[in-house]
């Protein structure tokens, strides 16, 4: 599949196909935070997508796993801070 960075450089039509999926993902994550706005959901989704992209670049599997684990733990902690 296309990486999010590839879609970001694509034409408007391609981005328009992806946009509702991202908005839906943010909305689903926002439901877990029960906030008045979706700022924490945007932060969480951005962190997850970024962590996935970074983990795929790293050649050391332990480091890759550490990136994913750290972001997961940070998001769980953020959700627990309600």
Foldseek 3Di string as FASTA:
>chain_A
DDQPVVQVPDDPVSVVVCVVVVVVQLVVQQVLQPDPDSVLSVVLVVLQSVLVVVLVPDPDNVVSVVSNVVSVVVNVVVSVVD
